[in-house]
Amino acid sequence: MGQWRTRVAGAVQDSWPSQFSGSGRAGTRLRTILSGNRVDAFLASDIGCVRDSNQDSMALVVPGEATLRQRRGLLAVVADGMGGHNGGEVASAVAVEAICRSYFAAAAADDPAEALALALREANAAVFRAAEADSRLTGMGTTASALALVADHALVAHVGDSRVYHCRGGRGRQLTTDDSLIVELINNGMISAEQARYHPARNVLLRSLGTQAKLWVIAQPGASPEPGDSFVLCSDGLWDSVDADEIAQFVATMVPEEAVRRLIALARARDGSDNISVGVITIRAAQPVPA
């Protein structure tokens, strides 16, 4: 199964001059110019302290072709798979590949928001078909959260409880809303946010990719990125033990690679019972051109 995952990662990387991060500790680094600003990004995933496999997948893609880069910008994705017999590994890898391929495809919708939403819907179909084709993968599914930075806008689409945060001035704001039973219980006034932290149903999802043939997904606009801002993508292995403002304080004072590694270390120290995947994308003002 690990060889299969490597082939998926390689297929994505061969399609565009981009970078892809799977489940290894080494991580993926990217520096580029986007919409006149410098973008510094780093993604990494850690198996944690308890699990014997990593069911998370991540991707970071910037097209090398200038016209496509202008139309589609930067895409970052995190997926947290679920399912026995390595099904979670397969589900997250299939979803990440499908999202990347669909979003940058020539036939994709002209509107980036429509293209991003369609990419997650096509990922849902791809995971569902893969499960149908192999009885060992029956019932597998995955979360997926995708962030696109294009034309001075941030677009977010997600299914499940992997998260995207927007960090500014040491404060973190969650751009996604968990598709979980806990959130529904809180919204209905049945439990408090504090009770939710220890509730036995805190990991129960209401939606995931691949567990049904069709799934409706829309892309939401986030805040327009400004120099100094950071966006953080993560699986629940991070946010279950590190809150939004703690995350924001790390990214405000550290370069992305250091922030990612420190956040993973903190999550391992506090809990570590799940896989931990983190991506930090920081926007900086472009250096002035010397006269």
Protein backbone atom coordinates (compact mmCIF):
# COMPACT_ATOMS: atom_id res chain seq x y z
CA MET A 1 0.00 0.00 0.00
CA GLY A 2 2.87 2.36 0.71
CA GLN A 3 4.25 1.81 -2.81
CA TRP A 4 0.83 2.63 -4.24
CA ARG A 5 0.74 5.87 -2.26
CA THR A 6 4.20 6.82 -3.56
CA ARG A 7 3.02 6.33 -7.13
CA VAL A 8 0.07 8.63 -6.49
CA ALA A 9 2.35 11.33 -5.11
CA GLY A 10 4.67 10.95 -8.07
CA ALA A 11 1.79 11.20 -10.53
CA VAL A 12 0.74 14.54 -9.04
CA GLN A 13 4.28 15.86 -9.07
CA ASP A 14 4.84 14.81 -12.67
CA SER A 15 1.72 16.66 -13.79
CA TRP A 16 2.91 20.10 -12.71
CA PRO A 17 6.27 21.58 -11.66
CA SER A 18 4.98 21.66 -8.10
CA GLN A 19 5.61 20.06 -4.75
CA PHE A 20 3.67 17.34 -2.99
CA SER A 21 3.84 16.11 0.59
CA GLY A 22 2.50 12.72 1.64
CA SER A 23 2.95 11.16 5.06
CA GLY A 24 6.68 11.53 5.65
CA ARG A 25 8.39 13.69 8.22
CA ALA A 26 10.69 15.38 5.69
CA GLY A 27 8.02 17.86 4.61
CA THR A 28 7.55 20.00 1.54
CA ARG A 29 8.83 23.56 1.14
CA LEU A 30 7.73 26.09 -1.47
CA ARG A 31 8.72 29.68 -2.15
CA THR A 32 7.15 31.64 -5.00
CA ILE A 33 5.78 35.01 -6.10
CA LEU A 34 2.00 35.20 -6.26
CA SER A 35 -0.06 38.30 -7.10
CA GLY A 36 2.97 40.49 -6.45
CA ASN A 37 3.69 39.05 -2.99
CA ARG A 38 6.20 36.49 -1.78
CA VAL A 39 4.70 33.22 -0.58
CA ASP A 40 6.64 30.97 1.78
CA ALA A 41 5.01 27.62 2.56
CA PHE A 42 5.85 24.39 4.33
CA LEU A 43 3.80 21.20 4.84
CA ALA A 44 4.62 18.14 6.90
CA SER A 45 2.83 15.12 8.35
CA ASP A 46 3.72 13.01 11.35
CA ILE A 47 2.47 9.56 12.31
CA GLY A 48 2.02 10.60 15.94
CA CYS A 49 2.82 8.55 19.03
CA VAL A 50 0.24 5.75 18.84
CA ARG A 51 -0.81 4.88 15.28
CA ASP A 52 1.12 2.32 13.22
CA SER A 53 0.29 4.05 9.91
CA ASN A 54 -0.32 7.56 8.63
CA GLN A 55 -3.70 8.02 6.95
CA ASP A 56 -3.20 11.72 6.18
CA SER A 57 -2.21 13.12 2.78
CA MET A 58 -1.23 16.68 1.82
CA ALA A 59 -0.44 18.59 -1.35
CA LEU A 60 0.96 21.97 -2.30
CA VAL A 61 0.72 22.94 -5.98
CA VAL A 62 1.77 26.00 -7.96
CA PRO A 63 1.72 25.61 -11.75
CA GLY A 64 4.91 26.46 -13.59
CA GLU A 65 3.00 27.83 -16.60
CA ALA A 66 2.38 31.55 -16.08
CA THR A 67 -1.13 31.72 -17.55
CA LEU A 68 -2.37 28.78 -15.51
CA ARG A 69 -0.73 30.19 -12.39
CA GLN A 70 -2.56 33.49 -12.96
CA ARG A 71 -5.90 31.69 -13.44
CA ARG A 72 -5.58 29.20 -10.60
CA GLY A 73 -2.88 30.48 -8.22
CA LEU A 74 -1.68 28.24 -5.39
CA LEU A 75 -3.55 25.18 -4.14
CA ALA A 76 -3.01 23.49 -0.77
CA VAL A 77 -4.91 20.40 0.39
CA VAL A 78 -5.02 18.29 3.55
CA ALA A 79 -6.98 15.03 3.84
CA ASP A 80 -7.42 12.71 6.81
CA GLY A 81 -8.50 9.22 5.75
CA MET A 82 -10.58 6.66 7.59
CA GLY A 83 -11.22 2.97 6.99
CA GLY A 84 -9.79 -0.39 7.99
CA HIS A 85 -7.15 -2.42 6.14
CA ASN A 86 -5.28 0.73 5.04
CA GLY A 87 -8.45 2.13 3.49
CA GLY A 88 -7.84 5.52 5.07
CA GLU A 89 -4.44 5.80 3.43
CA VAL A 90 -5.94 5.03 0.04
CA ALA A 91 -8.93 7.34 0.48
CA SER A 92 -6.87 10.40 1.44
CA ALA A 93 -4.31 9.84 -1.32
CA VAL A 94 -6.98 9.31 -3.99
CA ALA A 95 -8.83 12.43 -2.83
CA VAL A 96 -5.75 14.65 -2.84
CA GLU A 97 -4.71 13.52 -6.30
CA ALA A 98 -8.23 14.00 -7.68
CA ILE A 99 -8.56 17.48 -6.19
CA CYS A 100 -5.24 18.62 -7.64
CA ARG A 101 -5.89 17.16 -11.08
CA SER A 102 -9.44 18.51 -11.32
CA TYR A 103 -8.69 22.02 -10.08
CA PHE A 104 -5.90 22.58 -12.60
CA ALA A 105 -7.51 20.68 -15.50
CA ALA A 106 -7.94 22.54 -18.79
CA ALA A 107 -11.65 21.68 -18.84
CA ALA A 108 -12.30 23.04 -15.34
CA ALA A 109 -14.67 25.95 -14.83
CA ASP A 110 -13.24 29.41 -15.49
CA ASP A 111 -14.31 30.62 -12.04
CA PRO A 112 -11.76 29.36 -9.47
CA ALA A 113 -14.44 28.95 -6.80
CA GLU A 114 -16.52 26.73 -9.08
CA ALA A 115 -13.41 24.79 -10.08
CA LEU A 116 -12.47 24.21 -6.44
CA ALA A 117 -15.93 23.01 -5.46
CA LEU A 118 -16.05 20.73 -8.49
CA ALA A 119 -12.63 19.34 -7.58
CA LEU A 120 -13.90 18.15 -4.20
CA ARG A 121 -17.03 16.68 -5.73
CA GLU A 122 -14.93 14.78 -8.25
CA ALA A 123 -12.66 13.61 -5.42
CA ASN A 124 -15.73 12.25 -3.66
CA ALA A 125 -16.66 10.27 -6.77
CA ALA A 126 -13.09 8.99 -7.18
CA VAL A 127 -12.90 7.68 -3.61
CA PHE A 128 -16.36 6.12 -3.91
CA ARG A 129 -15.39 4.34 -7.15
CA ALA A 130 -12.13 3.08 -5.64
CA ALA A 131 -14.05 1.56 -2.71
CA GLU A 132 -16.55 -0.07 -5.06
CA ALA A 133 -13.73 -1.59 -7.12
CA ASP A 134 -11.98 -3.29 -4.17
CA SER A 135 -13.96 -5.03 -1.43
CA ARG A 136 -11.05 -4.56 0.98
CA LEU A 137 -11.69 -0.81 0.81
CA THR A 138 -15.44 -0.91 1.41
CA GLY A 139 -16.57 1.96 3.61
CA MET A 140 -13.40 3.99 3.35
CA GLY A 141 -13.66 7.76 3.33
CA THR A 142 -11.66 10.89 4.03
CA THR A 143 -11.93 14.48 5.11
CA ALA A 144 -10.56 17.11 2.75
CA SER A 145 -9.89 20.81 3.14
CA ALA A 146 -8.55 22.83 0.23
CA LEU A 147 -7.25 26.40 0.10
CA ALA A 148 -6.72 28.29 -3.17
CA LEU A 149 -4.89 31.63 -3.22
CA VAL A 150 -5.68 33.28 -6.54
CA ALA A 151 -6.03 36.87 -7.76
CA ASP A 152 -5.70 38.39 -4.28
CA HIS A 153 -8.41 36.15 -2.88
CA ALA A 154 -8.49 33.12 -0.61
CA LEU A 155 -10.99 30.39 -1.47
CA VAL A 156 -11.80 27.48 0.84
CA ALA A 157 -13.74 24.28 0.26
CA HIS A 158 -13.96 21.38 2.69
CA VAL A 159 -15.71 18.22 3.80
CA GLY A 160 -15.23 16.74 7.27
CA ASP A 161 -13.21 18.20 10.12
CA SER A 162 -9.79 18.98 8.73
CA ARG A 163 -9.41 22.72 9.12
CA VAL A 164 -8.15 25.89 7.48
CA TYR A 165 -7.24 28.89 9.65
CA HIS A 166 -6.51 32.49 8.69
CA CYS A 167 -3.93 34.00 11.03
CA ARG A 168 -3.32 37.73 11.38
CA GLY A 169 -1.63 39.66 14.17
CA GLY A 170 -1.27 36.64 16.44
CA ARG A 171 -4.97 35.72 16.26
CA GLY A 172 -6.40 32.73 14.43
CA ARG A 173 -9.80 32.49 12.75
CA GLN A 174 -11.21 29.18 11.55
CA LEU A 175 -12.39 29.44 7.94
CA THR A 176 -13.98 25.99 7.84
CA THR A 177 -16.86 24.62 9.90
CA ASP A 178 -16.46 21.03 11.06
CA ASP A 179 -18.96 18.62 9.55
CA SER A 180 -19.28 16.85 12.88
CA LEU A 181 -21.89 15.73 15.37
CA ILE A 182 -20.22 17.83 18.06
CA VAL A 183 -20.71 21.06 16.11
CA GLU A 184 -24.37 20.20 15.57
CA LEU A 185 -24.83 19.50 19.30
CA ILE A 186 -23.19 22.83 20.19
CA ASN A 187 -25.25 24.76 17.62
CA ASN A 188 -28.43 23.23 18.98
CA GLY A 189 -27.49 24.22 22.54
CA MET A 190 -27.29 20.62 23.73
CA ILE A 191 -23.70 20.83 24.99
CA SER A 192 -21.17 23.59 25.67
CA ALA A 193 -17.87 24.10 23.86
CA GLU A 194 -16.07 22.97 27.01
CA GLN A 195 -18.13 19.78 27.22
CA ALA A 196 -17.37 19.12 23.56
CA ARG A 197 -13.66 18.76 24.29
CA TYR A 198 -14.28 15.54 26.20
CA HIS A 199 -17.48 14.29 24.62
CA PRO A 200 -17.35 10.63 23.51
CA ALA A 201 -18.80 11.57 20.09
CA ARG A 202 -16.26 14.32 19.40
CA ASN A 203 -14.78 12.40 16.43
CA VAL A 204 -18.09 11.49 14.76
CA LEU A 205 -18.34 13.05 11.28
CA LEU A 206 -21.58 13.89 9.51
CA ARG A 207 -19.94 14.16 6.07
CA SER A 208 -16.85 12.72 4.43
CA LEU A 209 -15.59 12.16 0.90
CA GLY A 210 -16.22 8.75 -0.64
CA THR A 211 -18.90 7.36 1.65
CA GLN A 212 -21.74 8.23 -0.72
CA ALA A 213 -21.96 8.42 -4.50
CA LYS A 214 -22.77 12.14 -4.67
CA LEU A 215 -21.95 14.97 -2.30
CA TRP A 216 -22.66 18.68 -2.59
CA VAL A 217 -19.70 20.98 -1.92
CA ILE A 218 -19.35 24.73 -2.35
CA ALA A 219 -16.30 26.98 -2.10
CA GLN A 220 -16.41 29.92 0.30
CA PRO A 221 -14.40 33.14 -0.01
CA GLY A 222 -12.03 33.79 2.86
CA ALA A 223 -10.40 37.08 3.79
CA SER A 224 -8.20 38.64 1.13
CA PRO A 225 -4.61 37.82 2.06
CA GLU A 226 -2.38 40.70 3.12
CA PRO A 227 1.38 40.77 3.73
CA GLY A 228 2.01 39.29 7.17
CA ASP A 229 -0.95 36.94 6.99
CA SER A 230 -0.65 33.17 7.23
CA PHE A 231 -3.01 30.35 6.36
CA VAL A 232 -2.80 27.06 8.25
CA LEU A 233 -4.23 23.74 7.07
CA CYS A 234 -4.31 20.87 9.53
CA SER A 235 -5.86 17.56 10.45
CA ASP A 236 -7.54 17.01 13.81
CA GLY A 237 -4.31 15.58 15.15
CA LEU A 238 -3.23 19.20 15.59
CA TRP A 239 -6.36 21.16 16.41
CA ASP A 240 -7.64 18.63 18.94
CA SER A 241 -4.88 19.75 21.34
CA VAL A 242 -3.68 23.14 20.02
CA ASP A 243 -6.16 25.99 19.71
CA ALA A 244 -6.45 28.63 16.99
CA ASP A 245 -4.71 31.47 18.80
CA GLU A 246 -1.83 29.23 19.86
CA ILE A 247 -1.39 28.24 16.22
CA ALA A 248 -1.49 31.91 15.19
CA GLN A 249 1.16 32.87 17.72
CA PHE A 250 3.55 30.26 16.34
CA VAL A 251 3.14 31.36 12.74
CA ALA A 252 3.41 35.05 13.68
CA THR A 253 6.89 34.63 15.13
CA MET A 254 8.42 31.81 13.06
CA VAL A 255 9.11 30.97 9.45
CA PRO A 256 6.69 28.32 8.12
CA GLU A 257 9.02 25.34 8.45
CA GLU A 258 9.89 26.12 12.08
CA ALA A 259 6.23 26.80 12.91
CA VAL A 260 5.10 23.49 11.37
CA ARG A 261 7.73 21.46 13.17
CA ARG A 262 7.09 23.17 16.51
CA LEU A 263 3.34 22.70 16.18
CA ILE A 264 3.75 19.01 15.41
CA ALA A 265 6.07 18.62 18.39
CA LEU A 266 3.55 20.38 20.65
CA ALA A 267 0.68 18.19 19.46
CA ARG A 268 2.78 15.07 20.03
CA ALA A 269 3.67 16.23 23.54
CA ARG A 270 0.07 17.05 24.50
CA ASP A 271 -1.61 14.04 22.92
CA GLY A 272 -0.08 12.32 19.88
CA SER A 273 -2.86 9.74 19.63
CA ASP A 274 -3.58 10.60 15.99
CA ASN A 275 -1.67 11.45 12.83
CA ILE A 276 -0.68 15.13 12.76
CA SER A 277 -0.59 17.06 9.48
CA VAL A 278 0.15 20.79 9.27
CA GLY A 279 0.71 23.25 6.45
CA VAL A 280 1.63 26.92 6.89
CA ILE A 281 1.45 29.39 4.01
CA THR A 282 2.76 32.88 4.80
CA ILE A 283 2.33 36.00 2.65
CA ARG A 284 5.14 38.56 2.62
CA ALA A 285 5.53 41.84 0.75
CA ALA A 286 7.73 41.43 -2.29
CA GLN A 287 11.21 42.86 -1.94
CA PRO A 288 11.58 46.14 -3.83
CA VAL A 289 13.58 45.93 -7.02
CA PRO A 290 16.96 47.71 -6.56
CA ALA A 291 17.23 50.96 -8.53
